[in-house]
């Protein structure tokens, strides 16, 4: 069976500003109907990559392809309007002097009847039929976003580029609009590249996440895989808070206050960090008063004292100062608010740990265990 031709493919794109490479050898492949999130902190090159694909900025090297046809290299260039690309941005960019129908129809070709039919079809799909004659200033932020989506989809683009399109919405509306937008995009069959700096948005929207840092894609894959097998310490920390327990490798094992951890792949003497997310710490209330560091079947429990506990709605965050000198944060479902100074025994879910070189030290990360 032959491999499907990508709807969008970019190969080894680079772009340099002022001697700094802001897009560094970036490659991506998107199939029809696929949603890929380009995720990373502000300034990592996400929006520049999007502008290069859209054709409003030129790359220094690399090529862009759509349905197997060359769109752009450093010599040949299809103009932006000829690329079959839809665009959505943070500010929606609706024309204030046009009503909803006029905004959605802007740039559409064909007969008047054909344009009207396409406008009505899309407004029905995004739930805006009742506002067809309204002007942008008469609409809420969520309604403007729906109109901007309909306008971007009206010409039936084969590729949709979205640059932080939901950042202007309040939290109450954001999840609802994201889900509605995803349903419409999937139905249209366009390849979607969504730029965001919010891990939760990428996890909610994407079939695939490309994690970007300092102009490069450092990890790419399905949301589950990106979250559960981070490429490095920074990748793990980008998706959630982390706890790090330091140690030194000896014979593929690392001693910690929580017992020994398997750390294969590191040489003896290598400084490493055992990294675990707050929700994967286990608080054993039954261990209080049973002596220092009781050993359990799944490892050693270490003692600490609560410094602060906060209720966050669906969970509680408990901060601890450990007897061995470190500080940890545990995330507990529901309400758990022990007073400051309360002693607690802490264990680590070993199947949810990652091992990485300590910052500034050499070594290769081991698989999670």
Protein backbone atom coordinates (compact mmCIF):
# COMPACT_ATOMS: atom_id res chain seq x y z
CA UNK A 1 0.00 0.00 0.00
CA UNK A 2 1.50 3.35 -1.03
CA UNK A 3 1.88 6.16 1.47
CA UNK A 4 -0.67 8.96 1.19
CA UNK A 5 0.64 12.22 -0.24
CA UNK A 6 0.70 14.84 2.52
CA UNK A 7 -1.73 17.72 2.18
CA UNK A 8 1.01 20.00 3.57
CA UNK A 9 4.71 19.23 3.84
CA UNK A 10 7.51 21.56 4.83
CA UNK A 11 11.07 20.34 4.50
CA UNK A 12 14.08 21.73 6.37
CA UNK A 13 12.81 25.31 6.63
CA UNK A 14 15.23 27.86 8.11
CA UNK A 15 14.94 31.60 8.72
CA UNK A 16 17.51 33.93 10.26
CA UNK A 17 17.02 37.43 11.66
CA UNK A 18 19.95 39.57 12.78
CA UNK A 19 22.29 36.61 12.86
CA UNK A 20 19.88 34.52 14.98
CA UNK A 21 18.24 31.47 13.45
CA UNK A 22 14.61 31.78 14.57
CA UNK A 23 13.42 28.81 12.48
CA UNK A 24 16.01 26.06 12.43
CA UNK A 25 15.61 23.09 10.07
CA UNK A 26 11.88 22.62 10.68
CA UNK A 27 10.07 19.80 8.87
CA UNK A 28 6.39 18.82 9.15
CA UNK A 29 3.90 16.58 7.32
CA UNK A 30 0.11 16.96 7.60
CA UNK A 31 -2.53 14.79 5.97
CA UNK A 32 -6.06 15.83 4.95
CA UNK A 33 -8.25 16.40 8.01
CA UNK A 34 -5.26 16.25 10.35
CA UNK A 35 -4.86 18.84 13.12
CA UNK A 36 -1.26 19.47 14.15
CA UNK A 37 -0.40 21.89 16.94
CA UNK A 38 2.88 23.77 16.76
CA UNK A 39 3.39 24.22 20.49
CA UNK A 40 6.03 26.20 22.32
CA UNK A 41 6.85 29.28 24.40
CA UNK A 42 6.62 32.80 23.02
CA UNK A 43 9.53 33.66 20.74
CA UNK A 44 10.39 30.08 19.77
CA UNK A 45 9.62 30.57 16.04
CA UNK A 46 6.06 29.24 15.79
CA UNK A 47 4.45 32.29 14.18
CA UNK A 48 7.40 32.85 11.84
CA UNK A 49 6.98 29.26 10.61
CA UNK A 50 3.29 29.94 10.00
CA UNK A 51 4.02 33.15 8.07
CA UNK A 52 6.50 31.31 5.85
CA UNK A 53 3.92 28.65 5.01
CA UNK A 54 1.32 31.34 4.30
CA UNK A 55 3.74 33.08 1.94
CA UNK A 56 3.92 36.43 3.73
CA UNK A 57 7.54 35.76 4.66
CA UNK A 58 10.34 33.99 2.78
CA UNK A 59 12.52 31.23 4.17
CA UNK A 60 16.31 31.24 3.79
CA UNK A 61 16.34 27.57 2.85
CA UNK A 62 13.96 24.62 2.60
CA UNK A 63 10.83 23.88 0.60
CA UNK A 64 7.03 23.88 1.06
CA UNK A 65 4.76 21.40 -0.70
CA UNK A 66 0.96 21.04 -0.97
CA UNK A 67 -0.58 17.80 -2.26
CA UNK A 68 2.81 16.81 -3.67
CA UNK A 69 3.30 20.03 -5.64
CA UNK A 70 6.04 22.54 -4.90
CA UNK A 71 4.65 25.75 -3.42
CA UNK A 72 7.84 27.55 -2.52
CA UNK A 73 11.61 27.20 -2.40
CA UNK A 74 14.24 29.94 -2.36
CA UNK A 75 13.70 30.71 -6.07
CA UNK A 76 10.20 29.57 -7.05
CA UNK A 77 7.27 31.01 -5.13
CA UNK A 78 3.49 30.67 -5.48
CA UNK A 79 1.96 33.94 -4.21
CA UNK A 80 -0.03 33.77 -0.95
CA UNK A 81 -3.40 34.09 -2.70
CA UNK A 82 -2.60 31.10 -4.94
CA UNK A 83 -1.70 28.63 -2.21
CA UNK A 84 -5.18 27.50 -1.17
CA UNK A 85 -4.50 28.43 2.44
CA UNK A 86 -6.98 29.78 4.97
CA UNK A 87 -5.80 32.00 7.81
CA UNK A 88 -7.15 32.72 11.29
CA UNK A 89 -5.48 35.05 13.77
CA UNK A 90 -5.93 36.26 17.35
CA UNK A 91 -7.86 39.42 16.49
CA UNK A 92 -10.31 37.78 14.00
CA UNK A 93 -9.67 40.73 11.57
CA UNK A 94 -13.32 41.10 10.52
CA UNK A 95 -14.22 44.02 8.28
CA UNK A 96 -16.23 46.47 10.43
CA UNK A 97 -18.10 47.95 7.45
CA UNK A 98 -19.42 44.57 6.27
CA UNK A 99 -22.15 42.53 7.89
CA UNK A 100 -21.68 38.85 8.75
CA UNK A 101 -22.74 37.69 5.28
CA UNK A 102 -20.42 40.20 3.63
CA UNK A 103 -17.48 39.14 5.77
CA UNK A 104 -17.94 35.45 5.01
CA UNK A 105 -18.48 36.10 1.28
CA UNK A 106 -15.44 38.38 0.97
CA UNK A 107 -13.02 36.90 -1.56
CA UNK A 108 -15.42 34.21 -2.76
CA UNK A 109 -15.71 33.67 -6.49
CA UNK A 110 -18.60 32.33 -8.50
CA UNK A 111 -22.16 33.47 -9.05
CA UNK A 112 -24.15 35.48 -6.54
CA UNK A 113 -26.38 32.49 -5.83
CA UNK A 114 -23.41 30.16 -5.34
CA UNK A 115 -21.76 32.59 -2.93
CA UNK A 116 -24.98 33.04 -0.99
CA UNK A 117 -25.43 29.26 -0.70
CA UNK A 118 -21.87 28.81 0.61
CA UNK A 119 -22.31 31.63 3.15
CA UNK A 120 -25.58 30.19 4.44
CA UNK A 121 -24.09 26.68 4.63
CA UNK A 122 -21.15 27.81 6.74
CA UNK A 123 -23.15 30.11 9.00
CA UNK A 124 -25.50 27.22 9.69
CA UNK A 125 -22.51 25.00 10.50
CA UNK A 126 -21.02 27.48 12.98
CA UNK A 127 -24.37 28.39 14.52
CA UNK A 128 -24.51 31.98 13.23
CA UNK A 129 -27.43 31.91 10.81
CA UNK A 130 -29.50 34.18 13.04
CA UNK A 131 -26.79 36.87 12.86
CA UNK A 132 -26.35 36.93 9.09
CA UNK A 133 -27.15 40.67 8.86
CA UNK A 134 -25.35 41.74 12.06
CA UNK A 135 -22.13 43.79 12.04
CA UNK A 136 -18.97 42.80 13.94
CA UNK A 137 -19.43 45.43 16.66
CA UNK A 138 -22.81 43.87 17.47
CA UNK A 139 -21.28 40.45 18.16
CA UNK A 140 -19.61 38.93 21.21
CA UNK A 141 -16.05 37.65 21.04
CA UNK A 142 -17.21 34.08 20.61
CA UNK A 143 -19.58 35.06 17.82
CA UNK A 144 -16.86 37.01 16.03
CA UNK A 145 -14.61 33.95 16.25
CA UNK A 146 -17.30 31.79 14.61
CA UNK A 147 -17.68 34.31 11.78
CA UNK A 148 -13.89 34.46 11.30
CA UNK A 149 -13.83 30.66 11.05
CA UNK A 150 -16.64 30.66 8.48
CA UNK A 151 -14.85 33.32 6.43
CA UNK A 152 -11.56 31.39 6.48
CA UNK A 153 -13.31 28.19 5.36
CA UNK A 154 -15.52 29.80 2.69
CA UNK A 155 -13.06 29.36 -0.25
CA UNK A 156 -12.61 25.68 0.72
CA UNK A 157 -8.88 25.94 1.55
CA UNK A 158 -6.91 22.73 1.49
CA UNK A 159 -4.74 24.04 4.35
CA UNK A 160 -5.82 26.08 7.39
CA UNK A 161 -3.28 28.04 9.44
CA UNK A 162 -4.39 29.27 12.86
CA UNK A 163 -2.26 31.57 15.02
CA UNK A 164 -3.49 31.61 18.65
CA UNK A 165 -7.10 32.00 17.43
CA UNK A 166 -8.71 31.42 20.85
CA UNK A 167 -6.49 33.62 23.01
CA UNK A 168 -8.93 36.55 22.86
CA UNK A 169 -11.78 34.54 24.35
CA UNK A 170 -12.57 34.31 28.04
CA UNK A 171 -12.12 30.97 29.80
CA UNK A 172 -15.86 30.35 29.99
CA UNK A 173 -16.21 30.28 26.20
CA UNK A 174 -12.83 28.96 25.14
CA UNK A 175 -13.38 25.21 25.50
CA UNK A 176 -16.81 25.37 23.86
CA UNK A 177 -15.49 27.34 20.89
CA UNK A 178 -12.46 25.07 20.52
CA UNK A 179 -14.65 21.98 20.32
CA UNK A 180 -17.06 23.57 17.85
CA UNK A 181 -14.16 24.78 15.70
CA UNK A 182 -12.55 21.34 15.69
CA UNK A 183 -15.80 19.69 14.54
CA UNK A 184 -16.15 22.15 11.64
CA UNK A 185 -12.51 21.82 10.58
CA UNK A 186 -12.70 18.03 10.59
CA UNK A 187 -15.87 18.13 8.48
CA UNK A 188 -14.17 20.39 5.90
CA UNK A 189 -11.17 18.04 5.56
CA UNK A 190 -8.49 20.73 5.53
CA UNK A 191 -5.06 20.07 7.00
CA UNK A 192 -4.84 22.33 10.05
CA UNK A 193 -1.70 23.78 11.59
CA UNK A 194 -2.55 25.49 14.88
CA UNK A 195 0.01 27.64 16.70
CA UNK A 196 -0.39 27.85 20.47
CA UNK A 197 1.67 28.31 23.62
CA UNK A 198 -0.92 26.52 25.78
CA UNK A 199 -0.28 22.79 26.34
CA UNK A 200 -3.92 22.20 27.37
CA UNK A 201 -5.14 23.64 24.07
CA UNK A 202 -2.73 21.48 22.09
CA UNK A 203 -3.79 18.36 24.00
CA UNK A 204 -7.47 19.16 23.42
CA UNK A 205 -7.23 20.03 19.73
CA UNK A 206 -4.40 18.09 18.14
CA UNK A 207 -4.03 14.76 16.42
CA UNK A 208 -0.31 15.45 16.61
CA UNK A 209 1.83 17.93 18.56
CA UNK A 210 5.12 19.38 17.36
CA UNK A 211 6.92 20.80 20.40
CA UNK A 212 9.12 23.72 19.40
CA UNK A 213 11.98 25.37 21.30
CA UNK A 214 14.60 27.87 20.13
CA UNK A 215 13.52 27.53 16.51
CA UNK A 216 13.67 23.74 16.40
CA UNK A 217 11.12 20.96 16.76
CA UNK A 218 12.41 18.97 19.72
CA UNK A 219 9.67 16.32 19.81
CA UNK A 220 6.73 15.35 17.64
CA UNK A 221 3.95 12.82 18.10
CA UNK A 222 0.47 12.08 19.41
CA UNK A 223 -0.52 14.05 22.55
CA UNK A 224 -0.46 10.91 24.71
CA UNK A 225 3.07 10.04 23.63
CA UNK A 226 4.40 13.59 23.97
CA UNK A 227 3.02 13.84 27.51
CA UNK A 228 4.03 10.40 28.73
CA UNK A 229 7.43 10.05 27.03
CA UNK A 230 8.92 13.56 27.10
CA UNK A 231 12.16 13.99 25.17
CA UNK A 232 13.89 15.87 27.97
CA UNK A 233 13.36 17.64 31.28
CA UNK A 234 12.19 20.85 29.57
CA UNK A 235 9.60 18.94 27.56
CA UNK A 236 8.22 17.33 30.72
CA UNK A 237 8.13 20.69 32.52
CA UNK A 238 6.36 22.44 29.64
CA UNK A 239 3.24 20.30 30.09
CA UNK A 240 3.01 20.42 33.88
CA UNK A 241 4.81 21.20 37.10
CA UNK A 242 7.47 18.64 37.96
CA UNK A 243 9.40 17.47 40.98
CA UNK A 244 13.07 16.55 40.58
CA UNK A 245 15.09 14.34 42.93
CA UNK A 246 18.82 14.41 42.31
CA UNK A 247 21.19 11.46 42.52
CA UNK A 248 24.37 9.90 41.16
CA UNK A 249 24.45 6.73 39.08
CA UNK A 250 26.35 3.69 40.28
CA UNK A 251 26.01 0.39 38.47
CA UNK A 252 22.88 1.50 36.55
CA UNK A 253 21.21 2.36 39.88
CA UNK A 254 20.68 5.70 41.60
CA UNK A 255 20.24 6.03 45.36
CA UNK A 256 17.63 8.56 46.50
CA UNK A 257 15.69 9.21 49.73
CA UNK A 258 12.91 7.19 48.05
CA UNK A 259 15.12 4.14 47.50
CA UNK A 260 17.06 2.97 44.47
CA UNK A 261 15.92 3.69 40.94
CA UNK A 262 16.98 1.86 37.81
CA UNK A 263 18.87 4.34 35.62
CA UNK A 264 20.29 2.38 32.68
CA UNK A 265 22.08 4.21 29.90
CA UNK A 266 24.11 6.47 32.20
CA UNK A 267 27.77 5.94 33.11
CA UNK A 268 28.84 5.54 36.71
CA UNK A 269 29.22 8.90 38.38
CA UNK A 270 26.70 10.65 36.14
CA UNK A 271 24.50 13.20 37.92
CA UNK A 272 20.83 12.59 37.12
CA UNK A 273 17.38 13.77 38.11
CA UNK A 274 14.43 11.50 38.83
CA UNK A 275 11.53 13.58 37.51
CA UNK A 276 7.93 13.01 38.60
CA UNK A 277 4.77 15.08 38.19
CA UNK A 278 2.88 16.24 41.30
CA UNK A 279 -0.11 13.96 40.63
CA UNK A 280 2.20 10.93 40.74
CA UNK A 281 3.38 11.45 44.29
CA UNK A 282 1.56 9.23 46.79
CA UNK A 283 0.76 10.42 50.31
CA UNK A 284 0.59 7.57 52.81
CA UNK A 285 -1.22 8.89 55.89
CA UNK A 286 -0.99 5.50 57.63
CA UNK A 287 2.80 5.79 57.85
CA UNK A 288 2.86 8.63 60.37
CA UNK A 289 4.73 7.66 63.55
CA UNK A 290 6.02 4.31 62.22
CA UNK A 291 9.66 5.29 62.18
CA UNK A 292 12.01 6.90 59.63
CA UNK A 293 11.81 5.90 55.97
CA UNK A 294 9.65 2.78 56.16
CA UNK A 295 10.38 0.54 53.17
CA UNK A 296 7.37 -0.48 51.07
CA UNK A 297 6.92 -2.94 48.25
CA UNK A 298 7.06 -0.19 45.63
CA UNK A 299 9.97 1.73 47.16
CA UNK A 300 10.88 3.77 50.21
CA UNK A 301 8.67 6.41 51.77
CA UNK A 302 10.37 9.68 52.70
CA UNK A 303 9.13 12.00 55.42
CA UNK A 304 8.31 15.68 55.01
CA UNK A 305 6.29 18.45 56.59
CA UNK A 306 3.55 20.47 54.97
CA UNK A 307 4.49 24.09 54.29
CA UNK A 308 1.30 25.07 52.45
CA UNK A 309 -1.89 23.48 51.09
CA UNK A 310 -4.24 25.09 48.58
CA UNK A 311 -7.60 24.00 47.18
CA UNK A 312 -7.75 24.52 43.39
CA UNK A 313 -11.34 23.41 42.69
CA UNK A 314 -11.05 19.81 41.51
CA UNK A 315 -7.79 19.11 43.34
CA UNK A 316 -5.52 20.28 46.15
CA UNK A 317 -1.86 21.25 45.94
CA UNK A 318 0.25 20.31 48.95
CA UNK A 319 3.75 21.76 49.27
CA UNK A 320 6.23 19.92 51.47
CA UNK A 321 9.67 20.49 52.94
CA UNK A 322 11.30 17.07 53.01
CA UNK A 323 13.55 15.81 55.79
CA UNK A 324 16.31 15.15 53.27
CA UNK A 325 16.35 18.88 52.38
CA UNK A 326 14.36 18.98 49.17
CA UNK A 327 10.96 20.51 48.45
CA UNK A 328 8.12 18.70 46.69
CA UNK A 329 4.63 19.53 45.46
CA UNK A 330 1.92 16.85 45.51
CA UNK A 331 -1.40 17.09 43.68
CA UNK A 332 -4.31 15.36 45.43
CA UNK A 333 -7.82 14.87 43.98
CA UNK A 334 -10.67 16.64 45.79
CA UNK A 335 -10.17 18.44 49.12
CA UNK A 336 -7.04 17.71 51.14
CA UNK A 337 -5.82 20.64 53.24
CA UNK A 338 -3.46 19.55 56.02
CA UNK A 339 -2.14 22.32 58.25
CA UNK A 340 1.37 23.69 57.92
CA UNK A 341 3.77 21.54 59.96
CA UNK A 342 1.78 18.32 59.50
CA UNK A 343 4.19 15.38 58.93
CA UNK A 344 3.46 13.24 55.87
CA UNK A 345 5.11 10.22 54.28
CA UNK A 346 5.60 10.51 50.53
CA UNK A 347 6.13 7.77 47.96
CA UNK A 348 6.76 7.97 44.22
CA UNK A 349 4.91 6.08 41.51
CA UNK A 350 7.90 4.49 39.83
CA UNK A 351 6.00 3.68 36.65
CA UNK A 352 5.46 7.43 36.17
CA UNK A 353 9.05 8.62 36.62
CA UNK A 354 11.52 9.90 34.04
CA UNK A 355 15.28 10.02 34.34
CA UNK A 356 17.23 12.88 32.76
CA UNK A 357 20.75 14.25 33.08
CA UNK A 358 21.05 16.95 35.72
CA UNK A 359 21.13 20.44 34.12
CA UNK A 360 24.58 21.23 32.78
CA UNK A 361 25.77 17.62 32.99
CA UNK A 362 26.17 15.04 30.24
CA UNK A 363 24.32 11.76 29.90
CA UNK A 364 21.49 10.15 27.99
CA UNK A 365 17.92 9.95 29.31
CA UNK A 366 16.57 6.56 30.25
CA UNK A 367 13.07 5.37 29.45
CA UNK A 368 10.40 6.09 32.05
CA UNK A 369 9.88 3.34 34.60
